[in-house]
Amino acid sequence: MSDARLLTPGHEPAPPQVLCSQPLWYACRTRARAEKQVDRLLGRTGLETYLPLVERERQWADRKKRVEFPLFPGYTFARFSMGRFLEVVRTPGLVEVVGGRERPTPVREEELEAVRRFAQGLEETGLTPEPADWLEPGTPVLVVCGPFEGMRGILTEVKGRSRVVVRLTAIRLAVGVEMERRNVRRLG
């Protein structure tokens, strides 16, 4: 079978020929706490990899130590052509190459460069990143603080502030209010 006709693990058709031959960056989901191992194993096969790490101070009973942790727990990045897809997904500790139903989704170079700049900025400043919900319009949210605490709604706009809409389905009415993004969390 030619590289262009390889099937992905779910037996979906392979991506177009251009994606098969051109090495692109992909996000690779790993088992919990296996990011460094997967990154090292992929690198040993000759692939270009990138595992963004951030230092944090860890406290043990007898000492404190600075330890490197993945910026995105459970993920590393690898650059490969689809001709090497099966080799990549067989890597111990790798769960999947992130993508849609039919094929993995490449990570744009500018997105990966932004991650590199972000990780470098964290290293230079010593700041600690905090996880944030991925919120986009249409996401069900819960208000977690302020006068609307406990209210459930649908996020309708994401800009400097977030606009949350509360829908009353029984009477088919909706009202909206703007609040700080930090006041809402994804539901479910």
C-alpha atoms as a PDB file:
ATOM      1  CA  MET A   1       0.000   0.000   0.000  1.00  0.00           C
ATOM      2  CA  SER A   2       1.413   3.435  -0.861  1.00  0.00           C
ATOM      3  CA  ASP A   3       1.867   6.123   1.780  1.00  0.00           C
ATOM      4  CA  ALA A   4      -1.002   8.117   0.244  1.00  0.00           C
ATOM      5  CA  ARG A   5      -3.424   5.234   0.862  1.00  0.00           C
ATOM      6  CA  LEU A   6      -2.584   4.507   4.494  1.00  0.00           C
ATOM      7  CA  LEU A   7      -5.554   4.137   6.774  1.00  0.00           C
ATOM      8  CA  THR A   8      -5.752   5.774  10.167  1.00  0.00           C
ATOM      9  CA  PRO A   9      -6.515   3.540  13.178  1.00  0.00           C
ATOM     10  CA  GLY A  10     -10.284   4.026  12.723  1.00  0.00           C
ATOM     11  CA  HIS A  11      -9.923   2.967   9.052  1.00  0.00           C
ATOM     12  CA  GLU A  12     -10.769   6.403   7.697  1.00  0.00           C
ATOM     13  CA  PRO A  13      -9.272   7.456   4.362  1.00  0.00           C
ATOM     14  CA  ALA A  14      -5.831   9.023   4.485  1.00  0.00           C
ATOM     15  CA  PRO A  15      -5.438  12.784   4.023  1.00  0.00           C
ATOM     16  CA  PRO A  16      -4.678  14.347   0.632  1.00  0.00           C
ATOM     17  CA  GLN A  17      -1.297  13.570  -0.955  1.00  0.00           C
ATOM     18  CA  VAL A  18       0.202  16.918   0.022  1.00  0.00           C
ATOM     19  CA  LEU A  19      -0.313  16.167   3.725  1.00  0.00           C
ATOM     20  CA  CYS A  20       1.130  12.680   3.290  1.00  0.00           C
ATOM     21  CA  SER A  21       4.514  13.827   2.070  1.00  0.00           C
ATOM     22  CA  GLN A  22       4.986  17.167   3.832  1.00  0.00           C
ATOM     23  CA  PRO A  23       6.100  17.036   7.495  1.00  0.00           C
ATOM     24  CA  LEU A  24       3.759  19.125   9.644  1.00  0.00           C
ATOM     25  CA  TRP A  25       3.410  19.710  13.377  1.00  0.00           C
ATOM     26  CA  TYR A  26       0.795  17.684  15.265  1.00  0.00           C
ATOM     27  CA  ALA A  27      -0.325  17.645  18.893  1.00  0.00           C
ATOM     28  CA  CYS A  28       0.129  14.197  20.434  1.00  0.00           C
ATOM     29  CA  ARG A  29      -1.975  13.245  23.458  1.00  0.00           C
ATOM     30  CA  THR A  30      -0.150  11.059  25.971  1.00  0.00           C
ATOM     31  CA  ARG A  31      -1.000   8.961  28.997  1.00  0.00           C
ATOM     32  CA  ALA A  32      -0.987  10.885  32.259  1.00  0.00           C
ATOM     33  CA  ARG A  33       2.537  11.958  33.233  1.00  0.00           C
ATOM     34  CA  ALA A  34       4.080  10.297  30.136  1.00  0.00           C
ATOM     35  CA  GLU A  35       4.792  13.494  28.191  1.00  0.00           C
ATOM     36  CA  LYS A  36       8.585  13.448  28.676  1.00  0.00           C
ATOM     37  CA  GLN A  37       8.819   9.730  27.868  1.00  0.00           C
ATOM     38  CA  VAL A  38       6.768  10.063  24.653  1.00  0.00           C
ATOM     39  CA  ASP A  39       8.729  13.154  23.608  1.00  0.00           C
ATOM     40  CA  ARG A  40      12.026  11.307  24.143  1.00  0.00           C
ATOM     41  CA  LEU A  41      10.849   8.184  22.253  1.00  0.00           C
ATOM     42  CA  LEU A  42       9.579  10.219  19.294  1.00  0.00           C
ATOM     43  CA  GLY A  43      12.871  12.131  19.194  1.00  0.00           C
ATOM     44  CA  ARG A  44      14.828   8.866  19.095  1.00  0.00           C
ATOM     45  CA  THR A  45      13.065   7.953  15.834  1.00  0.00           C
ATOM     46  CA  GLY A  46      14.490  11.091  14.227  1.00  0.00           C
ATOM     47  CA  LEU A  47      11.348  13.207  14.486  1.00  0.00           C
ATOM     48  CA  GLU A  48      11.505  16.849  15.468  1.00  0.00           C
ATOM     49  CA  THR A  49       9.605  17.242  18.751  1.00  0.00           C
ATOM     50  CA  TYR A  50       8.684  20.033  21.109  1.00  0.00           C
ATOM     51  CA  LEU A  51       7.567  19.612  24.704  1.00  0.00           C
ATOM     52  CA  PRO A  52       6.977  23.041  26.288  1.00  0.00           C
ATOM     53  CA  LEU A  53       8.064  22.864  29.931  1.00  0.00           C
ATOM     54  CA  VAL A  54       7.679  25.289  32.830  1.00  0.00           C
ATOM     55  CA  GLU A  55       9.543  25.225  36.134  1.00  0.00           C
ATOM     56  CA  ARG A  56       7.636  25.087  39.395  1.00  0.00           C
ATOM     57  CA  GLU A  57       8.790  24.800  42.940  1.00  0.00           C
ATOM     58  CA  ARG A  58       7.872  21.493  44.589  1.00  0.00           C
ATOM     59  CA  GLN A  59       7.826  20.991  48.348  1.00  0.00           C
ATOM     60  CA  TRP A  60       8.859  17.691  49.868  1.00  0.00           C
ATOM     61  CA  ALA A  61       8.945  16.946  53.586  1.00  0.00           C
ATOM     62  CA  ASP A  62      12.679  17.686  53.794  1.00  0.00           C
ATOM     63  CA  ARG A  63      13.370  20.130  50.928  1.00  0.00           C
ATOM     64  CA  LYS A  64      12.148  22.353  48.115  1.00  0.00           C
ATOM     65  CA  LYS A  65      13.215  21.860  44.523  1.00  0.00           C
ATOM     66  CA  ARG A  66      12.462  23.452  41.118  1.00  0.00           C
ATOM     67  CA  VAL A  67      11.004  20.834  38.765  1.00  0.00           C
ATOM     68  CA  GLU A  68      10.018  21.070  35.087  1.00  0.00           C
ATOM     69  CA  PHE A  69       6.385  20.286  34.261  1.00  0.00           C
ATOM     70  CA  PRO A  70       4.637  20.212  30.861  1.00  0.00           C
ATOM     71  CA  LEU A  71       2.898  23.482  30.014  1.00  0.00           C
ATOM     72  CA  PHE A  72       0.068  21.384  28.539  1.00  0.00           C
ATOM     73  CA  PRO A  73      -0.300  18.284  30.724  1.00  0.00           C
ATOM     74  CA  GLY A  74      -0.955  15.220  28.590  1.00  0.00           C
ATOM     75  CA  TYR A  75       0.415  16.682  25.342  1.00  0.00           C
ATOM     76  CA  THR A  76       3.614  16.987  23.335  1.00  0.00           C
ATOM     77  CA  PHE A  77       4.178  18.103  19.740  1.00  0.00           C
ATOM     78  CA  ALA A  78       5.866  16.234  16.896  1.00  0.00           C
ATOM     79  CA  ARG A  79       6.632  17.120  13.289  1.00  0.00           C
ATOM     80  CA  PHE A  80       6.110  14.278  10.819  1.00  0.00           C
ATOM     81  CA  SER A  81       4.596  13.353   7.469  1.00  0.00           C
ATOM     82  CA  MET A  82       1.576  11.092   7.271  1.00  0.00           C
ATOM     83  CA  GLY A  83       3.861   8.409   5.854  1.00  0.00           C
ATOM     84  CA  ARG A  84       5.147   8.007   9.431  1.00  0.00           C
ATOM     85  CA  PHE A  85       1.730   8.186  11.094  1.00  0.00           C
ATOM     86  CA  LEU A  86       1.495   4.498  12.034  1.00  0.00           C
ATOM     87  CA  GLU A  87       5.025   4.575  13.458  1.00  0.00           C
ATOM     88  CA  VAL A  88       4.072   7.592  15.582  1.00  0.00           C
ATOM     89  CA  VAL A  89       0.805   6.159  16.957  1.00  0.00           C
ATOM     90  CA  ARG A  90       2.610   2.965  17.984  1.00  0.00           C
ATOM     91  CA  THR A  91       4.853   4.928  20.356  1.00  0.00           C
ATOM     92  CA  PRO A  92       4.494   3.593  23.922  1.00  0.00           C
ATOM     93  CA  GLY A  93       2.617   6.102  26.090  1.00  0.00           C
ATOM     94  CA  LEU A  94       1.047   7.927  23.139  1.00  0.00           C
ATOM     95  CA  VAL A  95      -2.769   7.832  23.209  1.00  0.00           C
ATOM     96  CA  GLU A  96      -3.587   9.598  19.942  1.00  0.00           C
ATOM     97  CA  VAL A  97      -2.564  12.228  17.439  1.00  0.00           C
ATOM     98  CA  VAL A  98      -5.137  14.986  17.915  1.00  0.00           C
ATOM     99  CA  GLY A  99      -7.498  15.640  15.033  1.00  0.00           C
ATOM    100  CA  GLY A 100     -10.905  15.369  13.502  1.00  0.00           C
ATOM    101  CA  ARG A 101     -12.882  12.301  12.575  1.00  0.00           C
ATOM    102  CA  GLU A 102     -11.053  11.567   9.339  1.00  0.00           C
ATOM    103  CA  ARG A 103      -7.459  12.605   9.993  1.00  0.00           C
ATOM    104  CA  PRO A 104      -5.101  14.328  12.424  1.00  0.00           C
ATOM    105  CA  THR A 105      -5.261  18.106  12.455  1.00  0.00           C
ATOM    106  CA  PRO A 106      -1.927  19.894  11.906  1.00  0.00           C
ATOM    107  CA  VAL A 107      -0.899  22.638  14.331  1.00  0.00           C
ATOM    108  CA  ARG A 108      -0.144  25.878  12.483  1.00  0.00           C
ATOM    109  CA  GLU A 109       3.476  27.048  12.686  1.00  0.00           C
ATOM    110  CA  GLU A 110       2.411  30.443  14.071  1.00  0.00           C
ATOM    111  CA  GLU A 111       0.442  28.769  16.888  1.00  0.00           C
ATOM    112  CA  LEU A 112       3.437  26.668  17.879  1.00  0.00           C
ATOM    113  CA  GLU A 113       5.676  29.738  17.707  1.00  0.00           C
ATOM    114  CA  ALA A 114       3.257  31.539  20.050  1.00  0.00           C
ATOM    115  CA  VAL A 115       3.532  28.613  22.486  1.00  0.00           C
ATOM    116  CA  ARG A 116       7.341  28.851  22.303  1.00  0.00           C
ATOM    117  CA  ARG A 117       7.252  32.598  23.020  1.00  0.00           C
ATOM    118  CA  PHE A 118       4.795  32.050  25.880  1.00  0.00           C
ATOM    119  CA  ALA A 119       6.991  29.341  27.470  1.00  0.00           C
ATOM    120  CA  GLN A 120      10.071  31.553  27.060  1.00  0.00           C
ATOM    121  CA  GLY A 121       8.250  34.480  28.668  1.00  0.00           C
ATOM    122  CA  LEU A 122       7.260  32.306  31.623  1.00  0.00           C
ATOM    123  CA  GLU A 123      10.869  31.190  32.017  1.00  0.00           C
ATOM    124  CA  GLU A 124      12.168  34.773  31.907  1.00  0.00           C
ATOM    125  CA  THR A 125       9.594  36.187  34.316  1.00  0.00           C
ATOM    126  CA  GLY A 126       9.229  33.216  36.654  1.00  0.00           C
ATOM    127  CA  LEU A 127       5.448  33.598  36.489  1.00  0.00           C
ATOM    128  CA  THR A 128       3.267  30.506  36.897  1.00  0.00           C
ATOM    129  CA  PRO A 129       0.611  29.888  34.244  1.00  0.00           C
ATOM    130  CA  GLU A 130      -2.909  29.105  35.360  1.00  0.00           C
ATOM    131  CA  PRO A 131      -5.266  26.792  33.473  1.00  0.00           C
ATOM    132  CA  ALA A 132      -8.149  28.569  31.774  1.00  0.00           C
ATOM    133  CA  ASP A 133     -11.342  27.199  30.290  1.00  0.00           C
ATOM    134  CA  TRP A 134     -11.566  27.182  26.512  1.00  0.00           C
ATOM    135  CA  LEU A 135     -14.662  29.298  26.095  1.00  0.00           C
ATOM    136  CA  GLU A 136     -16.302  30.211  22.827  1.00  0.00           C
ATOM    137  CA  PRO A 137     -19.762  31.468  21.933  1.00  0.00           C
ATOM    138  CA  GLY A 138     -22.405  28.820  22.531  1.00  0.00           C
ATOM    139  CA  THR A 139     -20.631  27.261  25.522  1.00  0.00           C
ATOM    140  CA  PRO A 140     -22.871  26.486  28.518  1.00  0.00           C
ATOM    141  CA  VAL A 141     -21.401  28.294  31.558  1.00  0.00           C
ATOM    142  CA  LEU A 142     -21.908  28.667  35.289  1.00  0.00           C
ATOM    143  CA  VAL A 143     -21.345  31.997  37.044  1.00  0.00           C
ATOM    144  CA  VAL A 144     -18.984  31.230  39.939  1.00  0.00           C
ATOM    145  CA  CYS A 145     -18.802  34.565  41.767  1.00  0.00           C
ATOM    146  CA  GLY A 146     -20.424  37.965  42.038  1.00  0.00           C
ATOM    147  CA  PRO A 147     -24.103  38.930  42.265  1.00  0.00           C
ATOM    148  CA  PHE A 148     -25.084  36.364  39.605  1.00  0.00           C
ATOM    149  CA  GLU A 149     -23.287  33.438  41.298  1.00  0.00           C
ATOM    150  CA  GLY A 150     -24.966  30.101  40.597  1.00  0.00           C
ATOM    151  CA  MET A 151     -26.677  31.363  37.430  1.00  0.00           C
ATOM    152  CA  ARG A 152     -26.397  29.060  34.418  1.00  0.00           C
ATOM    153  CA  GLY A 153     -26.383  30.418  30.922  1.00  0.00           C
ATOM    154  CA  ILE A 154     -24.889  30.373  27.444  1.00  0.00           C
ATOM    155  CA  LEU A 155     -21.813  32.406  26.567  1.00  0.00           C
ATOM    156  CA  THR A 156     -22.720  34.561  23.573  1.00  0.00           C
ATOM    157  CA  GLU A 157     -19.638  36.720  23.061  1.00  0.00           C
ATOM    158  CA  VAL A 158     -15.957  36.510  23.958  1.00  0.00           C
ATOM    159  CA  LYS A 159     -14.078  39.799  23.983  1.00  0.00           C
ATOM    160  CA  GLY A 160     -12.463  41.721  26.822  1.00  0.00           C
ATOM    161  CA  ARG A 161     -15.547  40.860  28.834  1.00  0.00           C
ATOM    162  CA  SER A 162     -17.902  37.945  28.367  1.00  0.00           C
ATOM    163  CA  ARG A 163     -21.574  38.260  27.604  1.00  0.00           C
ATOM    164  CA  VAL A 164     -23.650  35.573  29.296  1.00  0.00           C
ATOM    165  CA  VAL A 165     -27.230  34.918  28.275  1.00  0.00           C
ATOM    166  CA  VAL A 166     -29.751  33.186  30.511  1.00  0.00           C
ATOM    167  CA  ARG A 167     -32.449  31.363  28.591  1.00  0.00           C
ATOM    168  CA  LEU A 168     -35.858  30.486  29.956  1.00  0.00           C
ATOM    169  CA  THR A 169     -36.858  27.715  27.592  1.00  0.00           C
ATOM    170  CA  ALA A 170     -40.379  27.309  28.963  1.00  0.00           C
ATOM    171  CA  ILE A 171     -41.391  30.792  27.821  1.00  0.00           C
ATOM    172  CA  ARG A 172     -38.789  31.109  25.042  1.00  0.00           C
ATOM    173  CA  LEU A 173     -37.192  34.259  26.441  1.00  0.00           C
ATOM    174  CA  ALA A 174     -33.571  35.198  27.028  1.00  0.00           C
ATOM    175  CA  VAL A 175     -31.774  38.020  28.811  1.00  0.00           C
ATOM    176  CA  GLY A 176     -28.084  38.867  28.756  1.00  0.00           C
ATOM    177  CA  VAL A 177     -25.526  40.530  30.964  1.00  0.00           C
ATOM    178  CA  GLU A 178     -21.829  41.357  30.581  1.00  0.00           C
ATOM    179  CA  MET A 179     -19.410  40.210  33.262  1.00  0.00           C
ATOM    180  CA  GLU A 180     -15.729  39.544  33.713  1.00  0.00           C
ATOM    181  CA  ARG A 181     -14.571  36.345  32.035  1.00  0.00           C
ATOM    182  CA  ARG A 182     -13.025  35.139  35.307  1.00  0.00           C
ATOM    183  CA  ASN A 183     -16.536  34.982  36.796  1.00  0.00           C
ATOM    184  CA  VAL A 184     -17.714  32.145  34.541  1.00  0.00           C
ATOM    185  CA  ARG A 185     -16.669  28.500  34.150  1.00  0.00           C
ATOM    186  CA  ARG A 186     -17.591  25.931  31.551  1.00  0.00           C
ATOM    187  CA  LEU A 187     -20.486  23.696  32.609  1.00  0.00           C
ATOM    188  CA  GLY A 188     -20.085  19.933  32.456  1.00  0.00           C
END
